Each structure stands twice: as structure tokens, then as C-alpha cells.
Amino acid sequence: MTQVFLTIDIEIAWRHHAAGLEPAAVEARSIEPGGVGLRWQLDLLARHGLKASFFVDPLPARLYGLDPFRRIVAAVLDAGQEVQLHAHPNWAGATLANRRAHGSFELIDLSADGQRELLAEAAALLVAAGAPRPVAFRSGSYSANDDTLSALAAIGIGYDSSHNGAHHPWPSAIGLPASRIAPVARRGVIEVPVTVIEDTPGVWRNFQICALSTDEMRAALNHAIDENHAATVIVGHSFELANRAGLAPNRVHVRRFQALCALLSAWRERAPTAHFADCSGFPLDRNDQPLPANRWRRGRRQAEQAWSNLFAERTA
């Protein structure tokens, strides 16, 4: 069996903060946009009996306070899902008074000590919001390097899921091949890479709701099952199923997520969903290879993406 980690990154969207929206609107458009945000996703997961890991970025609590994150953490835990750590370092320099102010957008721009201090602060904020001590981390924008892994080990976090070959070597800068999708021990933690497929020969595309068509997701899962992959890591976001304005559903993305949940439910015996906190370990000697490129699947997805960009994103 291949363990499936359905991961959802939960974060305050910088674009809504930078636009100067009121705090309540920033939270609503980031966490519960268009009626297809966090609570809608939790409900769909529950109906299909699936496990998911919610990577929550608490650093905006520096300016928005802990209450929004207490609501997020409570919703996830009440639904029987797990909360893990996410972090976008630009919030370290942000203010409500000046929406243009920010820190570095890439975690890898910080020194090793700076990364460790920021990650320790983020973990403490997440616990203060009511979460159990996190055991897994994903960096914002997948921005991580080997110093990040050492920092995680130093603060007691055992899993990282930041390596993403579609964003390698920058800002996803961990010293692993872009095609690496199997878990591996590195710098005191277990790196569990985001799954990628081959888009065109030598070019990778991450397994993300807004990045792959339903056909590509089905093919990637079937490939992982047939090849007995150690893990499949799928990425979504709290705001990903809505249009960029956060005011209406993106019907293309909603249909993909619904289809993915139905597929994972149907294939649960061969590809069970899992939580990092309950993980009993991975085989670390695998050389799992991504799904090879297929121009017909790629062409159909490109047509679907064009429709999404032209119509679904403009739906008010």
C-alpha cells in the first residue's frame, strides 16, 4: 500500500492583507472563501471518511491576534483531523498600519539561526492557539533548504514536507534531486516530498488540486499503487477552491477536489489516507519514480486550465 497524505495549507492570503481589507474580510477570504473553504472541505472529508493534515501558518497572529487561529485549530481538531505547522516568514515584518511592510518572503533567505528562531516562534504560536505540539512542517512557497531541516530537528519536529521538484532548485532548495518523491532521512528529520508527475520530459508538476486535472490525479495515484510507492503527498489550500478574489467557488477546482475525495474513498484499501502524528514509519530505501509524461493528459489539462482562468476565476 502507498500511504496518502492529503495536506491542506491554511494561511492568511497575503494578497488580501496587502489590499488593505479589514481583518474580518481578510480572514473570511483566506479561510472560508466562496463557501468552499476550511469548513466545507472538512465536511467533504468527513463524508468520505478521509484523513487530512492541515498545515496552519500562525505567524499572522503577530498582527491579527490568536483568535482567528484558535477558530481554525478548533475546527480542524473537532473534525477529527490533525494540525501541523506551516510558515510564511514575510509576516515577521508585517503590520496593520503599513500593509506594504513585510519580512523576507523566502525562508531560505534567513540564516540558519534565523530560521530556527522563526520556526520555534511559529510552533509556540500554534500551540498557543490550541494545537498539539506539531510533528510535521511545510514551508510557505516550499521554501526550505538543509538548514531548515536542521532547525526542525533542533526544535523537535520530525517530519518535513517542503521538497517539491516543481519548484526546485529555488525556492525549494533542499539538496535532493527534483524527481525525489520517496521519503528519506536527512539532517535529523524524515523528508516526505510533495509528489510530482512528469509534465514534459525532465519537467515536473506538483500534485496539487489547482495544478493537476482529475485524470492526472487518478493516473498519479494508480501509478503510485501499481509501483508500491512509500507515500503520495497531495497539496491543497484553504483558499484554493475559490476564485482569487475569494468571493465565489472556482467550479473547476471544486469538481477536482470532489473527484479526488471520491477516488480516495473508493481506493482506501490500496491507498489509505494517513496523519503524520499517527505514522508508524516509512521505508526509506525506495527510489520511487514520478508518473511519466503523457501529452494527451497534459493537453486536456491545459484546456481545462484555460477554461478555469477565463471563466471560473471571473465568476462573481
Protein backbone atom coordinates (compact mmCIF):
# COMPACT_ATOMS: atom_id res chain seq x y z
CA MET A 1 0.00 0.00 0.00
CA THR A 2 1.04 3.58 -0.56
CA GLN A 3 0.21 5.92 2.32
CA VAL A 4 -1.57 9.03 1.08
CA PHE A 5 -1.04 12.34 2.86
CA LEU A 6 -3.77 14.73 1.80
CA THR A 7 -2.36 18.03 3.04
CA ILE A 8 -4.14 21.38 3.15
CA ASP A 9 -2.13 24.55 3.79
CA ILE A 10 -4.16 27.00 5.88
CA GLU A 11 -2.94 30.57 5.75
CA ILE A 12 -3.93 34.21 5.63
CA ALA A 13 -3.54 35.11 1.95
CA TRP A 14 -1.03 37.92 1.62
CA ARG A 15 -2.88 39.42 -1.35
CA HIS A 16 -5.94 40.19 0.80
CA HIS A 17 -3.82 41.67 3.59
CA ALA A 18 -1.80 43.78 1.14
CA ALA A 19 -5.03 45.02 -0.49
CA GLY A 20 -5.89 46.76 2.78
CA LEU A 21 -9.06 44.79 3.53
CA GLU A 22 -10.50 44.86 7.03
CA PRO A 23 -9.24 41.99 9.24
CA ALA A 24 -12.58 40.16 9.18
CA ALA A 25 -12.62 40.25 5.37
CA VAL A 26 -9.00 39.12 5.17
CA GLU A 27 -9.82 36.12 7.36
CA ALA A 28 -13.03 35.27 5.51
CA ARG A 29 -11.49 35.42 2.04
CA SER A 30 -8.46 33.41 3.14
CA ILE A 31 -10.03 30.72 5.33
CA GLU A 32 -13.68 30.45 4.25
CA PRO A 33 -13.74 31.90 0.71
CA GLY A 34 -16.72 31.49 -1.56
CA GLY A 35 -18.36 28.90 0.68
CA VAL A 36 -15.72 26.29 -0.22
CA GLY A 37 -13.06 26.98 2.40
CA LEU A 38 -11.94 25.16 5.52
CA ARG A 39 -15.29 24.07 6.95
CA TRP A 40 -16.67 22.97 3.56
CA GLN A 41 -13.53 20.92 2.96
CA LEU A 42 -13.69 19.37 6.44
CA ASP A 43 -17.30 18.36 5.82
CA LEU A 44 -16.48 16.73 2.49
CA LEU A 45 -13.58 14.82 4.04
CA ALA A 46 -15.84 13.59 6.84
CA ARG A 47 -18.48 12.39 4.39
CA HIS A 48 -15.84 10.32 2.60
CA GLY A 49 -14.15 9.12 5.81
CA LEU A 50 -10.75 10.53 4.83
CA LYS A 51 -7.82 11.73 6.91
CA ALA A 52 -6.08 15.02 6.08
CA SER A 53 -3.25 17.06 7.55
CA PHE A 54 -3.88 20.80 7.90
CA PHE A 55 -0.63 22.79 7.85
CA VAL A 56 -1.52 26.04 9.63
CA ASP A 57 0.60 29.21 9.41
CA PRO A 58 0.16 31.07 12.75
CA LEU A 59 2.68 33.87 12.09
CA PRO A 60 -0.03 36.40 11.07
CA ALA A 61 -1.10 36.22 14.74
CA ARG A 62 1.69 38.74 15.29
CA LEU A 63 -0.69 41.38 13.92
CA TYR A 64 -4.13 39.73 13.70
CA GLY A 65 -4.03 38.10 17.13
CA LEU A 66 -4.58 34.46 18.07
CA ASP A 67 -8.38 34.35 17.82
CA PRO A 68 -8.54 33.51 14.08
CA PHE A 69 -6.09 30.67 14.65
CA ARG A 70 -7.96 29.37 17.67
CA ARG A 71 -11.03 29.12 15.41
CA ILE A 72 -9.03 27.31 12.71
CA VAL A 73 -7.39 24.85 15.11
CA ALA A 74 -10.68 24.10 16.90
CA ALA A 75 -12.48 23.43 13.60
CA VAL A 76 -9.78 21.03 12.40
CA LEU A 77 -9.46 19.13 15.68
CA ASP A 78 -13.23 18.94 16.21
CA ALA A 79 -13.48 17.31 12.78
CA GLY A 80 -11.00 14.60 13.82
CA GLN A 81 -8.20 15.89 11.58
CA GLU A 82 -4.67 16.91 12.52
CA VAL A 83 -2.96 20.30 12.71
CA GLN A 84 0.67 20.64 11.63
CA LEU A 85 2.96 23.66 11.15
CA HIS A 86 3.24 25.97 8.14
CA ALA A 87 5.10 29.29 7.97
CA HIS A 88 5.49 32.24 5.62
CA PRO A 89 8.30 34.41 7.06
CA ASN A 90 7.13 37.64 5.41
CA TRP A 91 4.63 38.04 8.27
CA ALA A 92 7.53 38.68 10.64
CA GLY A 93 7.85 42.19 9.23
CA ALA A 94 4.17 42.90 8.52
CA THR A 95 1.94 45.46 10.24
CA LEU A 96 -1.67 46.56 10.01
CA ALA A 97 -0.61 50.19 9.89
CA ASN A 98 1.51 49.73 6.76
CA ARG A 99 0.23 46.96 4.51
CA ARG A 100 3.33 47.22 2.30
CA ALA A 101 5.71 46.28 5.12
CA HIS A 102 6.94 42.70 5.20
CA GLY A 103 9.85 40.45 6.04
CA SER A 104 11.60 38.10 3.64
CA PHE A 105 9.15 36.10 1.56
CA GLU A 106 11.52 33.11 1.40
CA LEU A 107 12.54 31.16 4.49
CA ILE A 108 15.81 30.21 2.79
CA ASP A 109 16.83 33.89 2.81
CA LEU A 110 17.20 33.67 6.60
CA SER A 111 20.34 32.43 8.33
CA ALA A 112 20.34 29.03 10.00
CA ASP A 113 19.85 30.73 13.38
CA GLY A 114 17.16 32.98 11.97
CA GLN A 115 15.25 30.02 10.61
CA ARG A 116 15.44 28.16 13.91
CA GLU A 117 14.20 31.19 15.87
CA LEU A 118 11.31 31.84 13.47
CA LEU A 119 10.21 28.20 13.40
CA ALA A 120 10.35 27.98 17.20
CA GLU A 121 8.15 31.08 17.42
CA ALA A 122 5.69 29.70 14.86
CA ALA A 123 5.43 26.37 16.72
CA ALA A 124 4.81 28.18 20.01
CA LEU A 125 2.07 30.32 18.43
CA LEU A 126 0.38 27.22 17.00
CA VAL A 127 0.36 25.54 20.41
CA ALA A 128 -0.93 28.76 22.00
CA ALA A 129 -3.84 28.59 19.52
CA GLY A 130 -4.78 25.16 20.91
CA ALA A 131 -2.92 22.73 18.67
CA PRO A 132 -0.91 19.77 19.92
CA ARG A 133 2.83 20.16 19.53
CA PRO A 134 3.43 19.78 15.75
CA VAL A 135 5.40 16.83 14.42
CA ALA A 136 5.45 17.91 10.76
CA PHE A 137 6.19 21.11 8.84
CA ARG A 138 5.85 22.60 5.38
CA SER A 139 7.45 25.89 4.46
CA GLY A 140 5.49 28.59 2.69
CA SER A 141 6.13 28.51 -1.07
CA TYR A 142 8.01 25.24 -0.39
CA SER A 143 10.99 27.45 0.51
CA ALA A 144 13.35 25.27 2.52
CA ASN A 145 16.96 24.15 2.47
CA ASP A 146 19.10 21.81 4.52
CA ASP A 147 19.39 24.47 7.25
CA THR A 148 15.60 24.29 7.55
CA LEU A 149 15.76 20.56 8.23
CA SER A 150 18.43 21.06 10.88
CA ALA A 151 16.31 23.77 12.50
CA LEU A 152 13.28 21.47 12.59
CA ALA A 153 15.31 18.71 14.20
CA ALA A 154 16.59 21.18 16.80
CA ILE A 155 13.04 22.14 17.86
CA GLY A 156 11.73 18.56 17.88
CA ILE A 157 9.78 18.37 14.62
CA GLY A 158 10.43 15.01 12.97
CA TYR A 159 8.84 15.33 9.51
CA ASP A 160 9.20 17.91 6.75
CA SER A 161 7.19 18.07 3.54
CA SER A 162 8.72 21.05 1.75
CA HIS A 163 10.75 19.37 -1.02
CA ASN A 164 8.90 20.00 -4.27
CA GLY A 165 10.64 19.18 -7.53
CA ALA A 166 8.34 21.51 -9.46
CA HIS A 167 9.88 24.43 -7.50
CA HIS A 168 13.45 23.10 -7.32
CA PRO A 169 16.17 24.42 -7.01
CA TRP A 170 14.53 27.71 -5.94
CA PRO A 171 12.85 28.32 -3.62
CA SER A 172 12.56 24.60 -2.79
CA ALA A 173 16.28 24.24 -2.15
CA ILE A 174 16.75 21.07 -0.10
CA GLY A 175 19.70 19.16 -1.54
CA LEU A 176 17.70 16.37 -3.14
CA PRO A 177 17.03 15.59 -6.82
CA ALA A 178 13.97 17.33 -8.27
CA SER A 179 12.47 13.93 -9.08
CA ARG A 180 12.75 12.68 -5.48
CA ILE A 181 9.30 11.68 -4.22
CA ALA A 182 10.13 8.89 -1.75
CA PRO A 183 10.63 9.69 1.96
CA VAL A 184 14.25 9.98 3.03
CA ALA A 185 16.15 10.63 6.26
CA ARG A 186 18.05 13.91 6.08
CA ARG A 187 19.56 16.27 8.66
CA GLY A 188 17.78 14.62 11.59
CA VAL A 189 14.26 14.58 10.11
CA ILE A 190 12.29 12.48 7.63
CA GLU A 191 11.72 14.42 4.42
CA VAL A 192 8.39 13.44 2.85
CA PRO A 193 8.45 15.20 -0.53
CA VAL A 194 5.43 16.61 -2.29
CA THR A 195 4.53 14.19 -5.07
CA VAL A 196 5.27 15.37 -8.59
CA ILE A 197 4.47 13.98 -12.02
CA GLU A 198 6.49 14.49 -15.18
CA ASP A 199 4.81 17.24 -17.19
CA THR A 200 7.18 17.12 -20.13
CA PRO A 201 10.45 15.13 -20.17
CA GLY A 202 12.56 16.38 -17.26
CA VAL A 203 9.98 18.97 -16.15
CA TRP A 204 7.91 18.30 -13.01
CA ARG A 205 4.45 19.38 -11.89
CA ASN A 206 3.33 19.05 -8.27
CA PHE A 207 0.31 17.02 -7.18
CA GLN A 208 -1.86 19.97 -6.23
CA ILE A 209 -5.60 20.45 -6.66
CA CYS A 210 -5.20 23.56 -8.80
CA ALA A 211 -2.27 22.09 -10.78
CA LEU A 212 -3.48 18.67 -11.98
CA SER A 213 -6.63 17.57 -13.74
CA THR A 214 -8.79 14.79 -12.35
CA ASP A 215 -7.39 12.41 -14.98
CA GLU A 216 -3.82 13.28 -13.95
CA MET A 217 -4.61 12.80 -10.25
CA ARG A 218 -6.19 9.43 -10.96
CA ALA A 219 -3.23 8.37 -13.09
CA ALA A 220 -0.71 9.53 -10.45
CA LEU A 221 -2.48 7.60 -7.69
CA ASN A 222 -2.82 4.50 -9.83
CA HIS A 223 0.88 4.72 -10.70
CA ALA A 224 1.81 5.00 -7.00
CA ILE A 225 -0.33 1.98 -6.14
CA ASP A 226 0.97 -0.16 -9.01
CA GLU A 227 4.59 0.73 -8.20
CA ASN A 228 4.08 0.33 -4.42
CA HIS A 229 5.29 3.84 -3.60
CA ALA A 230 6.10 4.56 0.03
CA ALA A 231 3.96 7.72 0.12
CA THR A 232 1.89 10.06 -2.00
CA VAL A 233 1.69 13.67 -0.83
CA ILE A 234 -1.11 15.86 -2.21
CA VAL A 235 -1.35 19.62 -1.61
CA GLY A 236 -4.36 21.92 -1.33
CA HIS A 237 -5.07 25.28 0.30
CA SER A 238 -7.89 26.78 2.32
CA PHE A 239 -8.49 29.32 -0.48
CA GLU A 240 -7.69 27.13 -3.48
CA LEU A 241 -11.24 26.08 -4.33
CA ALA A 242 -12.44 29.68 -4.64
CA ASN A 243 -11.56 32.32 -7.20
CA ARG A 244 -8.62 34.59 -6.42
CA ALA A 245 -10.92 37.30 -5.10
CA GLY A 246 -12.20 34.82 -2.52
CA LEU A 247 -15.81 35.61 -3.30
CA ALA A 248 -17.09 32.63 -5.29
CA PRO A 249 -16.20 28.98 -5.93
CA ASN A 250 -13.89 28.05 -8.78
CA ARG A 251 -16.05 25.25 -10.14
CA VAL A 252 -13.15 23.55 -11.92
CA HIS A 253 -11.17 23.25 -8.69
CA VAL A 254 -14.23 22.25 -6.66
CA ARG A 255 -15.03 19.41 -9.07
CA ARG A 256 -11.41 18.23 -8.90
CA PHE A 257 -11.44 18.13 -5.10
CA GLN A 258 -14.77 16.31 -5.04
CA ALA A 259 -13.49 13.76 -7.56
CA LEU A 260 -10.25 13.29 -5.61
CA CYS A 261 -12.12 12.64 -2.36
CA ALA A 262 -14.42 10.14 -4.07
CA LEU A 263 -11.42 8.39 -5.61
CA LEU A 264 -9.51 8.19 -2.31
CA SER A 265 -12.61 6.82 -0.62
CA ALA A 266 -13.04 4.15 -3.30
CA TRP A 267 -9.35 3.19 -3.20
CA ARG A 268 -8.90 3.33 0.59
CA GLU A 269 -7.82 -0.32 0.81
CA ARG A 270 -4.95 0.22 -1.64
CA ALA A 271 -4.09 3.83 -0.81
CA PRO A 272 -5.25 4.73 2.71
CA THR A 273 -5.07 8.33 3.86
CA ALA A 274 -2.90 8.96 6.91
CA HIS A 275 -1.95 11.52 9.55
CA PHE A 276 1.68 12.35 10.27
CA ALA A 277 1.04 12.13 14.02
CA ASP A 278 -0.06 8.51 13.66
CA CYS A 279 2.57 7.49 11.13
CA SER A 280 4.42 4.33 12.15
CA GLY A 281 7.32 4.99 9.80
CA PHE A 282 8.29 4.81 6.15
CA PRO A 283 10.54 2.54 4.15
CA LEU A 284 13.49 4.84 3.48
CA ASP A 285 15.28 2.82 0.83
CA ARG A 286 12.89 3.41 -2.06
CA ASN A 287 13.70 5.04 -5.39
CA ASP A 288 10.10 5.75 -6.36
CA GLN A 289 9.76 7.45 -9.74
CA PRO A 290 7.12 10.01 -10.75
CA LEU A 291 4.36 9.26 -13.23
CA PRO A 292 5.88 9.66 -16.72
CA ALA A 293 4.76 12.42 -19.05
CA ASN A 294 1.73 11.90 -21.27
CA ARG A 295 0.97 14.57 -23.86
CA TRP A 296 -2.71 13.68 -24.12
CA ARG A 297 -3.34 14.08 -20.39
CA ARG A 298 -1.29 17.26 -20.42
CA GLY A 299 -3.23 18.70 -23.35
CA ARG A 300 -6.60 18.01 -21.74
CA ARG A 301 -5.42 19.64 -18.51
CA GLN A 302 -4.16 22.72 -20.35
CA ALA A 303 -7.56 23.13 -21.99
CA GLU A 304 -9.26 22.77 -18.60
CA GLN A 305 -6.87 25.30 -17.05
CA ALA A 306 -7.61 27.78 -19.81
CA TRP A 307 -11.33 27.45 -19.10
CA SER A 308 -10.68 27.92 -15.38
CA ASN A 309 -8.62 31.06 -15.94
CA LEU A 310 -11.03 32.59 -18.44
CA PHE A 311 -14.33 31.77 -16.77
CA ALA A 312 -14.18 30.15 -13.32
CA GLU A 313 -11.82 32.83 -11.96
CA ARG A 314 -14.10 35.62 -13.15
CA THR A 315 -17.31 34.28 -11.68
CA ALA A 316 -18.67 36.84 -9.20
